[in-house]
Amino acid sequence: MYKTEIRESVFKELEEKVLKNNYGKYLKKILINKCRAFQNQTITFDFPVTALIGPNGSGKTTILGASAILYSSIAPRQFFTKNMELDEEMENWSIAYWAIDKTAIKNDVVRRSASYISKKWNRKSLQREVFFFGVSRTIPAVERKDLSKFATQNTHFSPNEYCNLTSESAEAITHVLGKDVSEFKVIKPNNYGNITLLSGKTNRGKSYSEFHFGAGESSVIKMIMRIENAPSQSLILIEEIENGLHPLVICRLVDYLIDVASRKKLQVIFTTHSEYAIKSLPNNAIWASINGEVIQGKLTIESLRTFSGETSAKLII
């Protein structure tokens, strides 16, 4: 049984910050008037790290996307792409928001909305740094076409293309993965935009490339690197946080997110099918999405299977 390493005082401090609106930027609440399977459903973000759980197709990603499109850095089509022939259902979708943004209103909650009317999105967005980590982050390096060009004998990197992990990133990654990454390198090839390639070191001091990393290992390293570099007050969105990860790593990763939320005043929302991802979280940090309705509180995965009709309620009881 995993026991969180986060002190009880940290949980109380974070809940108090949300309650007192002690943030420069923070998404407090959304009301999904209509969007996909949801109608008139309210989700409050009472803790700065929020888990969205539920069966496949239950609407977790819808809530994630609905939360994201309040902010101008996220285009609605990133979550709600429309096919002009098939997606008739999108008409008249609307979402209402309550947020803290002290650059817009200093001493009160900001009200905003987003709606899809007359075949286009209408929204009065807010400014905020948003970082989205989709499931594609767990594609192994050997299967990524953008990295295949570096898997040749003719590939050589100049010294200025190598950089070390920051001390904060290395410490966090080492703890989450349970292995020393202090000697790992990040390679940013010149003239290739935002592409990065990782390099590790064995216990015998031999280097190896990201092509020999586990997909989960690589995703954790790159995700923590970006989160540590994220500005204070940023919003972090993670799809299926457990993808490719060992249960113990999942638990440690969520603990890390709680810690970084405290250190940097970040807000994190993630979707998951894993009970390990919600072990550390308080009840008010968890929302279950079931058959077009949302329920706040900690439910087991078996309970979700009951609500979805997959398992008999008598068996659960």
Protein backbone atom coordinates (compact mmCIF):
# COMPACT_ATOMS: atom_id res chain seq x y z
CA MET A 1 0.00 0.00 0.00
CA TYR A 2 1.52 3.32 -1.10
CA LYS A 3 1.56 6.16 1.43
CA THR A 4 1.98 9.69 0.11
CA GLU A 5 5.12 11.57 1.04
CA ILE A 6 3.26 14.90 1.00
CA ARG A 7 2.75 16.36 4.48
CA GLU A 8 -0.80 16.96 5.67
CA SER A 9 0.06 20.62 6.18
CA VAL A 10 0.74 20.97 2.44
CA PHE A 11 -2.72 19.65 1.57
CA LYS A 12 -4.33 22.10 3.98
CA GLU A 13 -2.22 24.99 2.69
CA LEU A 14 -3.18 24.27 -0.93
CA GLU A 15 -6.88 23.96 -0.15
CA GLU A 16 -6.69 27.25 1.77
CA LYS A 17 -5.03 28.99 -1.19
CA VAL A 18 -7.88 27.94 -3.47
CA LEU A 19 -10.54 28.89 -0.93
CA LYS A 20 -9.06 32.37 -0.46
CA ASN A 21 -8.37 32.90 -4.18
CA ASN A 22 -4.68 33.28 -3.38
CA TYR A 23 -3.59 32.87 -6.99
CA GLY A 24 -2.77 35.26 -9.79
CA LYS A 25 -4.39 32.86 -12.29
CA TYR A 26 -6.58 29.89 -11.42
CA LEU A 27 -9.56 28.10 -12.96
CA LYS A 28 -12.16 27.87 -10.19
CA LYS A 29 -15.22 26.36 -11.83
CA ILE A 30 -16.75 25.40 -15.16
CA LEU A 31 -20.38 24.86 -16.08
CA ILE A 32 -20.82 22.73 -19.17
CA ASN A 33 -24.20 23.88 -20.43
CA LYS A 34 -23.88 21.60 -23.45
CA CYS A 35 -20.87 19.76 -24.83
CA ARG A 36 -20.81 16.21 -26.16
CA ALA A 37 -22.62 14.00 -23.61
CA PHE A 38 -22.76 16.71 -20.93
CA GLN A 39 -25.64 19.07 -20.20
CA ASN A 40 -25.78 21.39 -17.18
CA GLN A 41 -22.85 19.80 -15.36
CA THR A 42 -20.67 21.81 -12.95
CA ILE A 43 -17.08 20.97 -12.01
CA THR A 44 -15.27 22.89 -9.28
CA PHE A 45 -11.50 22.84 -8.88
CA ASP A 46 -11.19 22.88 -5.09
CA PHE A 47 -7.62 21.57 -5.07
CA PRO A 48 -4.84 22.64 -7.47
CA VAL A 49 -4.27 19.06 -8.66
CA THR A 50 -7.47 17.54 -10.04
CA ALA A 51 -8.01 14.00 -11.34
CA LEU A 52 -10.75 13.15 -13.84
CA ILE A 53 -11.72 9.49 -13.72
CA GLY A 54 -14.29 7.38 -15.52
CA PRO A 55 -14.79 4.62 -18.10
CA ASN A 56 -13.62 5.00 -21.69
CA GLY A 57 -15.78 7.45 -23.61
CA SER A 58 -17.28 8.90 -20.42
CA GLY A 59 -16.17 12.49 -21.10
CA LYS A 60 -12.89 12.93 -19.21
CA THR A 61 -11.17 14.48 -22.23
CA THR A 62 -14.21 16.67 -22.83
CA ILE A 63 -13.78 18.20 -19.36
CA LEU A 64 -10.04 18.58 -19.98
CA GLY A 65 -10.69 20.36 -23.28
CA ALA A 66 -13.49 22.48 -21.89
CA SER A 67 -11.10 23.66 -19.17
CA ALA A 68 -8.34 24.39 -21.68
CA ILE A 69 -10.22 26.55 -24.17
CA LEU A 70 -10.82 29.33 -21.67
CA TYR A 71 -7.24 30.32 -22.47
CA SER A 72 -6.09 31.90 -25.72
CA SER A 73 -2.96 29.73 -25.95
CA ILE A 74 -5.17 26.70 -26.70
CA ALA A 75 -7.13 26.60 -29.95
CA PRO A 76 -10.56 24.93 -29.51
CA ARG A 77 -9.87 22.65 -32.48
CA GLN A 78 -7.10 21.00 -30.45
CA PHE A 79 -9.82 19.27 -28.41
CA PHE A 80 -12.97 19.83 -30.45
CA THR A 81 -12.18 19.28 -34.11
CA LYS A 82 -15.18 19.56 -36.41
CA ASN A 83 -15.90 17.51 -39.49
CA MET A 84 -18.31 19.66 -41.50
CA GLU A 85 -20.29 16.63 -42.69
CA LEU A 86 -20.42 14.45 -39.60
CA ASP A 87 -20.28 16.72 -36.53
CA GLU A 88 -23.78 18.22 -36.53
CA GLU A 89 -23.98 17.73 -32.77
CA MET A 90 -21.54 20.56 -32.05
CA GLU A 91 -24.07 23.29 -32.76
CA ASN A 92 -25.04 25.35 -29.69
CA TRP A 93 -22.37 23.94 -27.41
CA SER A 94 -21.57 26.34 -24.58
CA ILE A 95 -19.37 26.44 -21.48
CA ALA A 96 -19.30 29.00 -18.65
CA TYR A 97 -16.23 29.78 -16.55
CA TRP A 98 -15.34 31.27 -13.18
CA ALA A 99 -11.64 32.03 -12.89
CA ILE A 100 -9.08 34.05 -11.01
CA ASP A 101 -7.10 36.39 -13.23
CA LYS A 102 -5.74 39.35 -11.32
CA THR A 103 -4.49 40.96 -14.52
CA ALA A 104 -8.13 41.22 -15.64
CA ILE A 105 -9.96 41.75 -12.32
CA LYS A 106 -7.87 42.20 -9.21
CA ASN A 107 -10.28 41.49 -6.36
CA ASP A 108 -13.01 39.33 -7.83
CA VAL A 109 -13.72 36.24 -9.90
CA VAL A 110 -13.68 36.68 -13.68
CA ARG A 111 -16.71 35.36 -15.61
CA ARG A 112 -16.18 34.12 -19.17
CA SER A 113 -17.87 31.82 -21.68
CA ALA A 114 -17.15 29.85 -24.83
CA SER A 115 -19.79 28.74 -27.32
CA TYR A 116 -20.01 27.10 -30.72
CA ILE A 117 -22.65 28.92 -32.71
CA SER A 118 -23.10 29.36 -36.48
CA LYS A 119 -20.26 26.95 -37.23
CA LYS A 120 -17.58 28.76 -35.24
CA TRP A 121 -16.30 29.16 -31.70
CA ASN A 122 -17.05 32.39 -29.88
CA ARG A 123 -15.08 33.06 -26.73
CA LYS A 124 -13.64 35.90 -24.72
CA SER A 125 -10.49 34.15 -23.61
CA LEU A 126 -7.97 34.86 -20.87
CA GLN A 127 -4.17 34.91 -21.08
CA ARG A 128 -2.36 32.06 -19.33
CA GLU A 129 0.47 29.64 -20.08
CA VAL A 130 -1.06 26.21 -20.73
CA PHE A 131 0.97 23.02 -21.20
CA PHE A 132 -0.81 19.99 -22.66
CA PHE A 133 0.68 16.50 -22.51
CA GLY A 134 -1.32 14.18 -24.77
CA VAL A 135 -1.03 10.41 -25.10
CA SER A 136 1.40 10.83 -28.02
CA ARG A 137 4.11 11.63 -25.43
CA THR A 138 4.38 7.88 -24.75
CA ILE A 139 5.19 6.87 -28.35
CA PRO A 140 8.63 5.18 -28.18
CA ALA A 141 11.47 7.09 -29.84
CA VAL A 142 12.05 4.21 -32.28
CA GLU A 143 8.50 4.70 -33.63
CA ARG A 144 8.71 8.48 -34.03
CA LYS A 145 9.37 9.61 -37.59
CA ASP A 146 10.69 13.00 -36.45
CA LEU A 147 13.51 11.26 -34.56
CA SER A 148 14.33 8.59 -37.15
CA LYS A 149 16.72 10.99 -38.93
CA PHE A 150 19.02 10.79 -35.89
CA ALA A 151 19.22 6.97 -35.89
CA THR A 152 22.05 6.72 -38.40
CA GLN A 153 25.80 6.22 -38.28
CA ASN A 154 26.27 9.65 -39.84
CA THR A 155 24.60 11.53 -36.99
CA HIS A 156 26.95 13.78 -35.03
CA PHE A 157 26.04 16.46 -32.50
CA SER A 158 28.12 19.52 -31.72
CA PRO A 159 28.96 20.38 -28.07
CA ASN A 160 26.58 23.36 -28.09
CA GLU A 161 23.66 21.01 -28.87
CA TYR A 162 24.07 19.21 -25.53
CA CYS A 163 22.77 20.54 -22.24
CA ASN A 164 22.40 19.15 -18.73
CA LEU A 165 19.17 18.62 -16.86
CA THR A 166 18.54 21.40 -14.35
CA SER A 167 19.16 20.39 -10.76
CA GLU A 168 15.43 20.72 -9.98
CA SER A 169 14.47 18.51 -12.93
CA ALA A 170 17.17 15.90 -12.20
CA GLU A 171 16.16 15.66 -8.54
CA ALA A 172 12.46 15.29 -9.32
CA ILE A 173 12.98 12.77 -12.14
CA THR A 174 15.37 10.71 -10.02
CA HIS A 175 12.80 10.48 -7.26
CA VAL A 176 9.85 9.68 -9.53
CA LEU A 177 11.65 7.03 -11.61
CA GLY A 178 13.73 5.67 -8.74
CA LYS A 179 16.96 5.88 -10.77
CA ASP A 180 19.78 8.40 -10.91
CA VAL A 181 19.47 10.69 -13.96
CA SER A 182 22.02 13.31 -12.88
CA GLU A 183 24.33 12.32 -15.77
CA PHE A 184 21.58 12.34 -18.41
CA LYS A 185 21.81 14.88 -21.23
CA VAL A 186 19.30 16.72 -23.38
CA ILE A 187 20.23 17.15 -27.05
CA LYS A 188 18.58 19.93 -29.03
CA PRO A 189 19.75 19.54 -32.64
CA ASN A 190 20.26 22.86 -34.40
CA ASN A 191 17.84 23.70 -37.22
CA TYR A 192 15.19 21.18 -36.08
CA GLY A 193 12.80 23.40 -34.13
CA ASN A 194 11.59 21.98 -30.81
CA ILE A 195 12.86 18.43 -31.32
CA THR A 196 14.81 17.04 -28.36
CA LEU A 197 16.64 13.76 -27.92
CA LEU A 198 17.69 12.32 -24.58
CA SER A 199 20.94 10.60 -23.68
CA GLY A 200 21.43 8.43 -20.60
CA LYS A 201 24.35 6.84 -18.76
CA THR A 202 24.63 3.24 -17.57
CA ASN A 203 26.07 2.30 -14.17
CA ARG A 204 29.31 1.56 -16.01
CA GLY A 205 29.45 5.08 -17.45
CA LYS A 206 28.45 4.12 -21.00
CA SER A 207 26.10 6.48 -22.83
CA TYR A 208 22.93 5.37 -24.61
CA SER A 209 20.33 7.26 -26.62
CA GLU A 210 16.60 7.75 -26.14
CA PHE A 211 16.10 4.98 -28.72
CA HIS A 212 16.92 2.59 -25.87
CA PHE A 213 14.72 4.30 -23.25
CA GLY A 214 11.41 2.89 -22.15
CA ALA A 215 8.52 4.98 -23.51
CA GLY A 216 7.24 5.71 -20.01
CA GLU A 217 10.71 6.68 -18.79
CA SER A 218 11.16 9.12 -21.67
CA SER A 219 7.70 10.66 -21.17
CA VAL A 220 8.31 11.27 -17.44
CA ILE A 221 11.69 12.92 -18.09
CA LYS A 222 10.39 15.26 -20.80
CA MET A 223 7.19 16.07 -18.91
CA ILE A 224 9.02 17.01 -15.69
CA MET A 225 11.56 19.06 -17.67
CA ARG A 226 8.76 21.15 -19.20
CA ILE A 227 6.84 21.48 -15.93
CA GLU A 228 9.94 22.68 -14.07
CA ASN A 229 10.46 25.29 -16.81
CA ALA A 230 6.81 26.40 -16.77
CA PRO A 231 6.13 29.89 -15.42
CA SER A 232 4.39 30.27 -12.08
CA GLN A 233 0.56 30.20 -12.30
CA SER A 234 0.61 27.97 -15.43
CA LEU A 235 -2.05 25.35 -16.17
CA ILE A 236 -0.81 21.78 -16.76
CA LEU A 237 -3.09 19.33 -18.60
CA ILE A 238 -2.20 15.62 -18.80
CA GLU A 239 -4.10 12.96 -20.74
CA GLU A 240 -4.02 9.45 -19.20
CA ILE A 241 -1.25 10.13 -16.72
CA GLU A 242 -0.62 6.42 -16.13
CA ASN A 243 0.29 5.58 -19.74
CA GLY A 244 3.38 3.35 -19.83
CA LEU A 245 4.12 3.77 -16.12
CA HIS A 246 4.64 1.33 -13.25
CA PRO A 247 2.10 1.80 -10.40
CA LEU A 248 4.78 3.08 -8.00
CA VAL A 249 5.95 5.63 -10.59
CA ILE A 250 2.34 6.80 -11.04
CA CYS A 251 2.03 7.42 -7.29
CA ARG A 252 5.34 9.28 -7.14
CA LEU A 253 4.45 11.35 -10.21
CA VAL A 254 1.20 12.55 -8.64
CA ASP A 255 3.07 13.39 -5.43
CA TYR A 256 5.51 15.39 -7.57
CA LEU A 257 2.62 17.29 -9.16
CA ILE A 258 1.25 18.19 -5.72
CA ASP A 259 4.71 19.35 -4.66
CA VAL A 260 5.28 21.46 -7.78
CA ALA A 261 1.79 22.94 -7.46
CA SER A 262 2.83 24.12 -4.02
CA ARG A 263 6.25 25.38 -5.08
CA LYS A 264 5.22 27.19 -8.26
CA LYS A 265 1.50 27.86 -7.78
CA LEU A 266 0.71 25.65 -10.75
CA GLN A 267 -2.70 24.14 -11.46
CA VAL A 268 -2.84 20.58 -12.79
CA ILE A 269 -5.75 18.66 -14.32
CA PHE A 270 -5.25 15.09 -15.51
CA THR A 271 -7.34 12.18 -16.75
CA THR A 272 -6.76 8.63 -15.58
CA HIS A 273 -8.09 5.07 -15.39
CA SER A 274 -5.73 4.17 -12.56
CA GLU A 275 -6.54 3.96 -8.88
CA TYR A 276 -2.83 4.54 -8.19
CA ALA A 277 -3.16 8.05 -9.65
CA ILE A 278 -5.74 9.08 -7.05
CA LYS A 279 -4.23 7.48 -3.93
CA SER A 280 -2.51 10.69 -2.78
CA LEU A 281 -5.34 13.08 -3.62
CA PRO A 282 -8.04 14.33 -1.23
CA ASN A 283 -11.67 13.58 -2.05
CA ASN A 284 -12.40 17.08 -3.33
CA ALA A 285 -9.61 16.73 -5.92
CA ILE A 286 -11.33 13.88 -7.79
CA TRP A 287 -14.21 14.04 -10.26
CA ALA A 288 -15.82 10.96 -11.79
CA SER A 289 -17.52 11.24 -15.15
CA ILE A 290 -20.28 8.68 -15.68
CA ASN A 291 -23.01 8.62 -18.33
CA GLY A 292 -23.01 12.38 -18.89
CA GLU A 293 -22.93 13.28 -15.20
CA VAL A 294 -20.07 14.29 -12.89
CA ILE A 295 -19.61 13.22 -9.27
CA GLN A 296 -17.04 14.69 -6.89
CA GLY A 297 -15.19 12.33 -4.56
CA LYS A 298 -13.02 9.25 -4.45
CA LEU A 299 -14.52 6.23 -6.20
CA THR A 300 -12.75 2.95 -6.88
CA ILE A 301 -12.39 1.72 -10.44
CA GLU A 302 -14.70 -1.16 -9.52
CA SER A 303 -17.33 1.37 -8.43
CA LEU A 304 -17.06 3.06 -11.82
CA ARG A 305 -17.61 -0.28 -13.52
CA THR A 306 -20.80 -0.67 -11.49
CA PHE A 307 -22.11 2.77 -12.47
CA SER A 308 -21.38 2.05 -16.12
CA GLY A 309 -23.30 -1.23 -15.93
CA GLU A 310 -20.22 -3.38 -16.50
CA THR A 311 -20.37 -5.10 -13.09
CA SER A 312 -23.26 -6.06 -10.85
CA ALA A 313 -23.73 -3.71 -7.88
CA LYS A 314 -24.24 -6.73 -5.63
CA LEU A 315 -20.72 -7.93 -6.41
CA ILE A 316 -19.26 -4.55 -5.42
CA ILE A 317 -21.23 -4.37 -2.19
